[in-house]
Each structure stands twice: as C-alpha cells, then as structure tokens.
Protein backbone atom coordinates (compact mmCIF):
# COMPACT_ATOMS: atom_id res chain seq x y z
CA UNK A 1 123.72 205.22 49.65
CA UNK A 2 121.72 207.74 47.65
CA UNK A 3 121.32 207.63 43.83
CA UNK A 4 121.82 210.45 41.63
CA UNK A 5 118.80 212.83 40.57
CA UNK A 6 117.12 212.47 43.84
CA UNK A 7 117.10 215.32 46.42
CA UNK A 8 119.76 217.78 45.24
CA UNK A 9 121.27 216.72 42.06
CA UNK A 10 118.38 216.95 40.02
CA UNK A 11 118.30 220.45 41.31
CA UNK A 12 122.19 220.94 40.59
CA UNK A 13 121.56 219.35 37.04
CA UNK A 14 118.67 221.69 36.44
CA UNK A 15 120.52 224.63 37.74
CA UNK A 16 123.50 224.07 35.20
CA UNK A 17 120.84 223.47 32.08
CA UNK A 18 119.39 226.80 33.03
CA UNK A 19 122.95 228.15 33.28
CA UNK A 20 124.00 226.91 30.59
CA UNK A 21 120.66 228.05 28.34
CA UNK A 22 120.94 231.64 29.75
CA UNK A 23 125.04 232.32 29.60
CA UNK A 24 126.31 229.49 27.27
CA UNK A 25 124.34 228.50 24.16
CA UNK A 26 125.34 230.50 21.29
CA UNK A 27 123.51 232.70 19.43
CA UNK A 28 121.51 231.67 16.50
CA UNK A 29 121.10 233.60 13.19
CA UNK A 30 119.26 231.65 10.39
CA UNK A 31 119.25 228.45 12.46
CA UNK A 32 123.15 228.14 12.56
CA UNK A 33 125.63 228.26 15.18
CA UNK A 34 127.77 231.70 15.06
CA UNK A 35 129.59 230.91 18.67
CA UNK A 36 131.70 227.86 18.86
CA UNK A 37 132.10 226.15 22.60
CA UNK A 38 134.50 227.39 24.57
CA UNK A 39 138.02 225.07 24.34
CA UNK A 40 139.27 226.25 27.85
CA UNK A 41 139.90 222.25 28.33
CA UNK A 42 142.52 222.24 25.13
CA UNK A 43 145.37 220.01 25.15
CA UNK A 44 144.54 218.53 28.50
CA UNK A 45 144.73 214.52 29.26
CA UNK A 46 141.67 213.69 31.12
CA UNK A 47 141.32 210.51 32.69
CA UNK A 48 137.65 208.82 33.28
CA UNK A 49 136.07 205.95 34.79
CA UNK A 50 133.25 204.29 32.95
CA UNK A 51 130.60 202.16 35.14
CA UNK A 52 130.28 199.06 33.11
CA UNK A 53 128.35 196.06 33.58
CA UNK A 54 130.03 192.41 33.55
CA UNK A 55 127.48 190.49 32.30
CA UNK A 56 126.94 189.05 28.59
CA UNK A 57 123.54 189.68 28.76
CA UNK A 58 122.79 193.16 29.54
CA UNK A 59 120.89 195.27 27.55
CA UNK A 60 122.55 198.19 25.28
CA UNK A 61 126.20 199.19 24.46
CA UNK A 62 127.05 201.66 26.80
CA UNK A 63 130.44 201.69 27.19
CA UNK A 64 131.08 201.69 23.61
CA UNK A 65 128.87 204.31 22.92
CA UNK A 66 130.91 206.05 25.87
CA UNK A 67 134.19 205.66 23.78
CA UNK A 68 132.75 207.08 20.83
CA UNK A 69 131.08 210.13 22.40
CA UNK A 70 134.01 211.25 23.95
CA UNK A 71 136.23 211.12 21.12
CA UNK A 72 133.75 213.57 19.35
CA UNK A 73 134.40 215.31 22.75
CA UNK A 74 138.34 215.06 22.13
CA UNK A 75 138.12 216.01 18.76
CA UNK A 76 136.11 219.07 19.31
CA UNK A 77 137.63 220.23 22.14
CA UNK A 78 141.12 219.20 21.34
CA UNK A 79 141.18 217.36 24.60
CA UNK A 80 142.50 213.10 25.16
CA UNK A 81 140.34 211.55 27.77
CA UNK A 82 141.36 208.31 28.29
CA UNK A 83 138.53 206.03 29.64
CA UNK A 84 138.88 203.62 32.25
CA UNK A 85 136.62 200.99 32.40
CA UNK A 86 135.61 199.91 35.69
CA UNK A 87 133.02 198.41 37.85
CA UNK A 88 130.60 200.54 40.68
CA UNK A 89 132.47 200.52 43.66
CA UNK A 90 133.82 202.73 46.71
CA UNK A 91 137.53 202.69 45.01
CA UNK A 92 136.15 203.80 41.99
CA UNK A 93 133.87 207.13 43.73
CA UNK A 94 137.17 207.55 45.86
CA UNK A 95 139.42 207.61 42.68
CA UNK A 96 137.04 210.76 41.88
CA UNK A 97 137.02 212.41 45.39
CA UNK A 98 141.19 211.79 45.39
CA UNK A 99 141.31 213.03 41.94
CA UNK A 100 142.67 210.16 40.56
CA UNK A 101 140.20 210.36 37.57
CA UNK A 102 138.76 213.87 36.40
CA UNK A 103 135.28 212.73 35.96
CA UNK A 104 133.04 209.85 36.10
CA UNK A 105 130.44 208.11 33.39
CA UNK A 106 127.71 206.44 35.57
CA UNK A 107 123.84 205.62 35.48
CA UNK A 108 121.47 207.92 37.04
CA UNK A 109 120.23 204.72 38.91
CA UNK A 110 123.62 203.72 40.19
CA UNK A 111 124.58 205.05 44.00
CA UNK A 112 127.05 207.29 45.73
CA UNK A 113 128.31 206.48 49.12
CA UNK A 114 127.10 208.47 51.48
CA UNK A 115 130.47 210.27 52.94
CA UNK A 116 131.01 211.33 49.10
CA UNK A 117 127.13 212.37 48.59
CA UNK A 118 127.86 215.93 49.13
CA UNK A 119 131.12 216.47 47.06
CA UNK A 120 129.92 215.34 43.51
CA UNK A 121 127.53 217.22 40.53
CA UNK A 122 126.52 215.72 37.60
CA UNK A 123 125.53 216.53 34.24
CA UNK A 124 122.45 216.64 31.91
CA UNK A 125 121.59 212.92 30.72
CA UNK A 126 124.08 211.85 27.88
CA UNK A 127 121.45 209.12 26.35
CA UNK A 128 117.99 207.57 27.17
CA UNK A 129 119.21 205.26 29.84
CA UNK A 130 119.98 208.23 32.08
CA UNK A 131 123.84 207.92 32.01
CA UNK A 132 125.35 210.93 33.06
CA UNK A 133 129.22 212.48 33.60
CA UNK A 134 129.97 213.10 37.70
CA UNK A 135 132.90 215.30 38.92
CA UNK A 136 133.94 216.80 42.25
CA UNK A 137 131.87 219.86 43.06
CA UNK A 138 134.79 222.29 42.49
CA UNK A 139 135.29 220.94 38.90
CA UNK A 140 131.65 222.47 38.29
CA UNK A 141 133.58 223.83 35.23
CA UNK A 142 133.71 220.75 33.74
CA UNK A 143 129.98 220.39 33.74
CA UNK A 144 129.42 223.71 32.30
CA UNK A 145 131.49 223.23 29.63
CA UNK A 146 130.36 219.61 29.36
CA UNK A 147 126.31 220.48 29.24
CA UNK A 148 127.05 223.67 26.88
CA UNK A 149 128.81 221.18 24.54
CA UNK A 150 126.33 217.98 24.49
CA UNK A 151 123.71 220.26 24.28
CA UNK A 152 125.33 221.87 21.00
CA UNK A 153 126.67 218.77 19.44
CA UNK A 154 123.30 216.69 20.04
CA UNK A 155 121.22 218.52 17.68
CA UNK A 156 124.28 217.48 14.88
CA UNK A 157 124.13 215.09 12.23
CA UNK A 158 127.63 213.46 13.61
CA UNK A 159 126.15 212.79 17.05
CA UNK A 160 122.70 211.55 15.36
CA UNK A 161 124.95 208.47 13.38
CA UNK A 162 126.77 207.63 16.60
CA UNK A 163 124.08 208.22 18.98
CA UNK A 164 121.67 205.88 16.27
CA UNK A 165 124.51 203.73 16.27
CA UNK A 166 124.50 202.45 19.93
CA UNK A 167 120.62 202.60 20.53
CA UNK A 168 119.21 201.14 17.54
CA UNK A 169 117.41 197.85 17.82
CA UNK A 170 119.64 195.39 15.30
CA UNK A 171 117.31 192.91 15.32
CA UNK A 172 114.95 194.85 13.13
CA UNK A 173 117.59 196.76 11.08
CA UNK A 174 117.85 195.31 7.39
CA UNK A 175 121.80 195.30 6.43
CA UNK A 176 123.15 196.54 9.85
CA UNK A 177 124.43 193.36 12.41
CA UNK A 178 125.90 195.64 15.31
CA UNK A 179 127.11 199.12 16.57
CA UNK A 180 130.59 197.64 15.05
CA UNK A 181 130.02 197.03 11.70
CA UNK A 182 132.13 199.59 10.29
CA UNK A 183 135.30 198.15 11.98
CA UNK A 184 133.96 194.56 11.73
CA UNK A 185 134.13 195.49 7.29
CA UNK A 186 137.45 196.73 7.74
CA UNK A 187 139.01 194.22 10.32
CA UNK A 188 137.84 191.51 7.47
CA UNK A 189 139.30 192.79 4.79
CA UNK A 190 142.93 192.04 6.29
CA UNK A 191 141.72 188.18 7.03
CA UNK A 192 140.20 188.14 3.50
CA UNK A 193 136.43 186.83 4.97
CA UNK A 194 133.21 187.65 4.38
CA UNK A 195 132.85 190.23 6.86
CA UNK A 196 129.59 188.52 7.99
CA UNK A 197 131.69 185.51 9.24
CA UNK A 198 133.68 187.82 11.86
CA UNK A 199 130.80 189.30 13.15
CA UNK A 200 129.54 185.68 13.88
CA UNK A 201 132.13 184.92 15.76
CA UNK A 202 132.36 188.16 18.19
CA UNK A 203 128.84 187.81 18.52
CA UNK A 204 129.34 184.24 19.65
CA UNK A 205 132.61 185.90 21.99
CA UNK A 206 130.80 188.39 23.46
CA UNK A 207 127.40 188.81 21.82
CA UNK A 208 128.96 192.50 21.25
CA UNK A 209 129.48 193.68 24.52
CA UNK A 210 132.68 195.32 25.41
CA UNK A 211 132.71 195.46 29.18
CA UNK A 212 132.73 191.34 29.71
CA UNK A 213 135.13 189.61 30.89
CA UNK A 214 136.30 185.70 31.42
CA UNK A 215 137.64 183.87 34.48
CA UNK A 216 140.78 182.96 32.32
CA UNK A 217 141.24 187.04 31.65
CA UNK A 218 139.72 187.64 28.05
CA UNK A 219 138.36 190.64 27.75
CA UNK A 220 135.59 192.50 24.97
CA UNK A 221 134.23 192.12 22.39
CA UNK A 222 136.79 189.11 20.94
CA UNK A 223 137.71 188.19 24.28
CA UNK A 224 141.12 189.19 24.11
CA UNK A 225 143.57 188.16 27.04
CA UNK A 226 146.01 191.98 27.61
CA UNK A 227 149.09 189.88 27.20
CA UNK A 228 147.77 188.58 23.78
CA UNK A 229 146.91 192.11 22.57
CA UNK A 230 150.26 193.80 24.01
CA UNK A 231 151.93 191.30 21.74
CA UNK A 232 150.06 192.86 18.70
CA UNK A 233 150.95 196.31 20.29
CA UNK A 234 147.26 197.05 21.34
CA UNK A 235 146.97 198.89 24.83
CA UNK A 236 143.53 199.41 25.67
CA UNK A 237 141.40 196.34 24.70
CA UNK A 238 138.61 197.84 26.41
CA UNK A 239 138.39 200.41 22.89
CA UNK A 240 136.36 198.77 20.36
CA UNK A 241 138.27 199.20 17.68
CA UNK A 242 141.10 198.23 19.20
CA UNK A 243 140.30 194.91 20.48
CA UNK A 244 138.48 194.31 17.20
CA UNK A 245 142.34 194.67 15.56
CA UNK A 246 143.92 192.51 18.57
CA UNK A 247 141.30 189.66 17.80
CA UNK A 248 141.82 189.91 13.91
CA UNK A 249 145.81 190.27 14.16
CA UNK A 250 145.47 187.32 16.01
CA UNK A 251 143.36 185.32 14.21
CA UNK A 252 145.60 186.27 10.92
CA UNK A 253 148.25 185.14 12.86
CA UNK A 254 146.67 181.85 13.11
CA UNK A 255 145.21 181.64 9.55
CA UNK A 256 148.90 182.27 7.94
CA UNK A 257 150.23 179.44 10.04
CA UNK A 258 147.91 176.73 8.81
CA UNK A 259 148.36 178.16 5.15
CA UNK A 260 152.50 177.91 5.17
CA UNK A 261 151.43 174.97 6.72
CA UNK A 262 149.44 173.59 3.75
CA UNK A 263 145.55 174.34 4.43
CA UNK A 264 143.89 175.67 1.85
CA UNK A 265 141.64 178.83 1.58
CA UNK A 266 138.29 177.23 2.94
CA UNK A 267 140.06 175.21 6.00
CA UNK A 268 142.82 177.61 6.98
CA UNK A 269 140.05 180.37 8.39
CA UNK A 270 138.06 177.30 9.78
CA UNK A 271 141.04 175.91 11.78
CA UNK A 272 142.10 179.18 12.78
CA UNK A 273 138.75 179.79 14.37
CA UNK A 274 138.23 176.53 16.13
CA UNK A 275 141.96 177.23 17.40
CA UNK A 276 140.90 180.74 18.97
CA UNK A 277 138.92 179.09 20.87
CA UNK A 278 140.86 176.10 22.25
CA UNK A 279 144.19 177.48 21.87
CA UNK A 280 147.29 176.59 19.40
CA UNK A 281 148.32 173.53 21.92
CA UNK A 282 145.26 171.98 21.96
CA UNK A 283 144.88 171.99 18.04
CA UNK A 284 148.37 170.85 17.95
CA UNK A 285 147.55 167.64 19.87
CA UNK A 286 144.45 167.46 17.29
CA UNK A 287 146.40 167.81 14.56
CA UNK A 288 149.06 165.12 15.77
CA UNK A 289 146.57 162.72 16.79
CA UNK A 290 145.15 163.04 12.88
CA UNK A 291 148.68 162.47 11.43
CA UNK A 292 149.16 159.42 13.63
CA UNK A 293 146.09 158.07 12.43
CA UNK A 294 146.88 159.07 8.47
CA UNK A 295 144.17 161.46 8.74
CA UNK A 296 144.11 164.41 6.86
CA UNK A 297 145.18 167.08 9.24
CA UNK A 298 144.60 170.44 7.35
CA UNK A 299 140.94 169.67 6.68
CA UNK A 300 138.93 171.31 9.15
CA UNK A 301 136.07 168.75 8.53
CA UNK A 302 138.49 165.51 9.74
CA UNK A 303 140.08 167.50 13.06
CA UNK A 304 136.41 167.31 14.18
CA UNK A 305 135.88 164.25 13.99
CA UNK A 306 139.35 163.75 16.05
CA UNK A 307 138.28 166.25 18.63
CA UNK A 308 135.76 163.30 20.33
CA UNK A 309 138.64 160.80 20.45
CA UNK A 310 140.52 162.88 22.79
CA UNK A 311 138.17 161.50 25.78
CA UNK A 312 139.30 158.58 25.58
CA UNK A 313 142.33 157.21 27.70
CA UNK A 314 144.05 155.27 24.85
CA UNK A 315 144.09 158.55 22.76
CA UNK A 316 144.99 161.28 25.33
CA UNK A 317 147.62 159.14 27.05
CA UNK A 318 149.51 158.48 23.45
CA UNK A 319 152.92 160.46 24.09
CA UNK A 320 151.89 162.55 20.96
CA UNK A 321 149.29 164.14 23.07
CA UNK A 322 151.20 166.73 25.18
CA UNK A 323 147.64 168.37 26.68
CA UNK A 324 146.35 165.14 27.78
CA UNK A 325 142.64 164.85 27.97
CA UNK A 326 140.32 167.17 25.86
CA UNK A 327 136.55 166.99 26.34
CA UNK A 328 136.17 169.32 22.86
CA UNK A 329 132.66 169.78 22.61
CA UNK A 330 132.74 173.24 23.53
CA UNK A 331 135.11 174.03 20.41
CA UNK A 332 132.80 172.06 18.46
CA UNK A 333 129.60 173.68 19.74
CA UNK A 334 131.24 177.33 19.15
CA UNK A 335 132.59 176.15 15.34
CA UNK A 336 129.05 175.17 15.08
CA UNK A 337 127.26 177.99 16.33
CA UNK A 338 129.30 180.64 14.62
CA UNK A 339 128.37 178.87 11.58
CA UNK A 340 124.67 179.18 11.72
CA UNK A 341 125.05 183.03 12.68
CA UNK A 342 126.77 183.25 9.84
CA UNK A 343 124.44 181.62 7.40
CA UNK A 344 121.54 183.87 9.36
CA UNK A 345 123.20 186.89 8.36
CA UNK A 346 123.49 186.10 5.03
CA UNK A 347 119.79 185.05 4.83
CA UNK A 348 118.83 188.21 6.57
CA UNK A 349 120.88 190.49 4.16
C-alpha cells in the first residue's frame, strides 16, 4: 500500500498544475477573468465516492465540504454529481477502477491498494487537510478540468465563503454555531423554534458530523434512519440539507401529534424532542403510565418523573406498558444536555 503524494503521485499532481497554469488558466485583463472554464462535461452525471470517518470525534467537516464544493462545481459546469459516502476499503477503490464511480475524494494520507497504484492519478488538494480527487489514469481530462476549475474558483468570494464555513473555528466565532446554521435557521422556522434549540439537538445527535452512524442504522447530522427519511421524501440522508429536512419533518410530525393531544406550545416541543430520542412506543408507555397515576401526561416535567418508574417491576409489568422495562436514563440525560447547550448558545450570542 502507498500513500498519495509519495513517489510519482506528486509528480502527476505537479504536472497537471503546470499544465493548467500554462495551457488552461484564462488570461487576465485588469485583474478580471476573460475566459470561462471549459464545459466539456456539461449535462453529465458524475458518481463520486467520498471517504469519511464514522467517528463522532473526528475533526473537521470534510464530507459536508465535499457536498457543497461539488454543488458549486455542478452549478458552474452544468453537471450533476452524485456523492456516495463510503469507508476506505478495497471495494471502494475497485469501484473506481471498474468504472462504477467516476472519481473519488480521499485524503492524501489514505492508502491506495498496491494492485491499483499504477492506475490512478490525483488532483491538486482541495483543502488544507490535503483532500484530493482521484480518477483512473485514462480519465486524466477530468483532473485537468477540475484543477483548472478549482484554481479559478478558489479566487472568488463564493468559494471563500463556502470554504470558511467548513474550516473556521466555531468555538471562537461569535454568532455562529456550525457550518449548517443557514439550514438550521430555515428548518427551525418550520417548527416555530428558536434556531439555537434545534442546533443544540443536532449537536447532541452528531456533534455536527455528517459521516456518523449508529448501530441502530441512524445516519448523519440528525441521526435519521433511511426508512424514516424516505417517508418524508428524502433520499440522500448524508446530504446535510436533506438530513436536516428529514429530521425536522419528523420532529414537526411528533410536535403536531402532541399538540393535537392537548400539549401546549411549551411542552409539545419538549415531548417531541424526548420522543425523537426514545421513540414513539416508549413515549406512549410513559404517557399511559402517567395517566394511570392521575398525573398530567402532557407536561414534560411530569413525564420526566414517570420515566424512572419504568425500571420498577410493578410498573413495567402493568398491561398498559406495552414495551416493558425502560431504563430511561439516556433520554433524561439527552434532554438535560440539550437544555444546557441551548442555554449556552443563547448566552454566547
């Protein structure tokens, strides 16, 4: 196994940079571009594997950056890039070699299987983390085009805004929480929430990492299952915007359901958030037990006191409790941490 930018890969990248600078970069007059990037891929659909780390503690937002970078590429090159998030594996490389995908986005420190090392070439780095595009040698024209396009576009304000959104230090940025603030603000209006509450929920679910998934099949920023996303008309739940839409629509359905049951504007969102964590069946058990104890089942603070009872045999064996014993500590901690982070976001702003 070898790493990119070792041996000949550095020379390939350098050669294409020189080629782009000499033959492809548009002439300038008074600091302005006169010639557009060629559009020989116009109307093409491109399939792209993007390697990601399925770890909530990973640094950066590489997968989200790739989605937005190629949306910009598509808008200017009149293409349609379909991104397929994958883990680094032999099969992923084989997809590239066999033509199942057109190119891949990997890190220059990733290894290429020995059997394929003489069959691929790479682009210039697309960020400071040294992520690169990789194609089969025979598709070198794509690398020429991409290098030319990237060299041109990165000088513009639109790219600067996009790049900074994913590479800034949010812990030191006032009035900004994540790269997805715009999408979160739009979605929070649908719910009627302060956008910082939705941001706190998303942080709790994924720490704003798109690539993470759970053992239960929940994926992305809002940890949405594919079946749930499809029920709301969402196909690509690794796409940050689509993932937030799916999670928000699910929260809206839950919130509306509890409002129809009689919960007020304060408690319906809180019960919806708790249900987002524990599931509708568990929340139904909690509410039924509260009703059987003549407690107000439409107030979250009351439900929070009922949850620990479901660890006790004389309660969870009651016929009104359909799903049996429920520890509930995860849901209670989930609600507490979202509340604390929400207050923190409000104080920071």
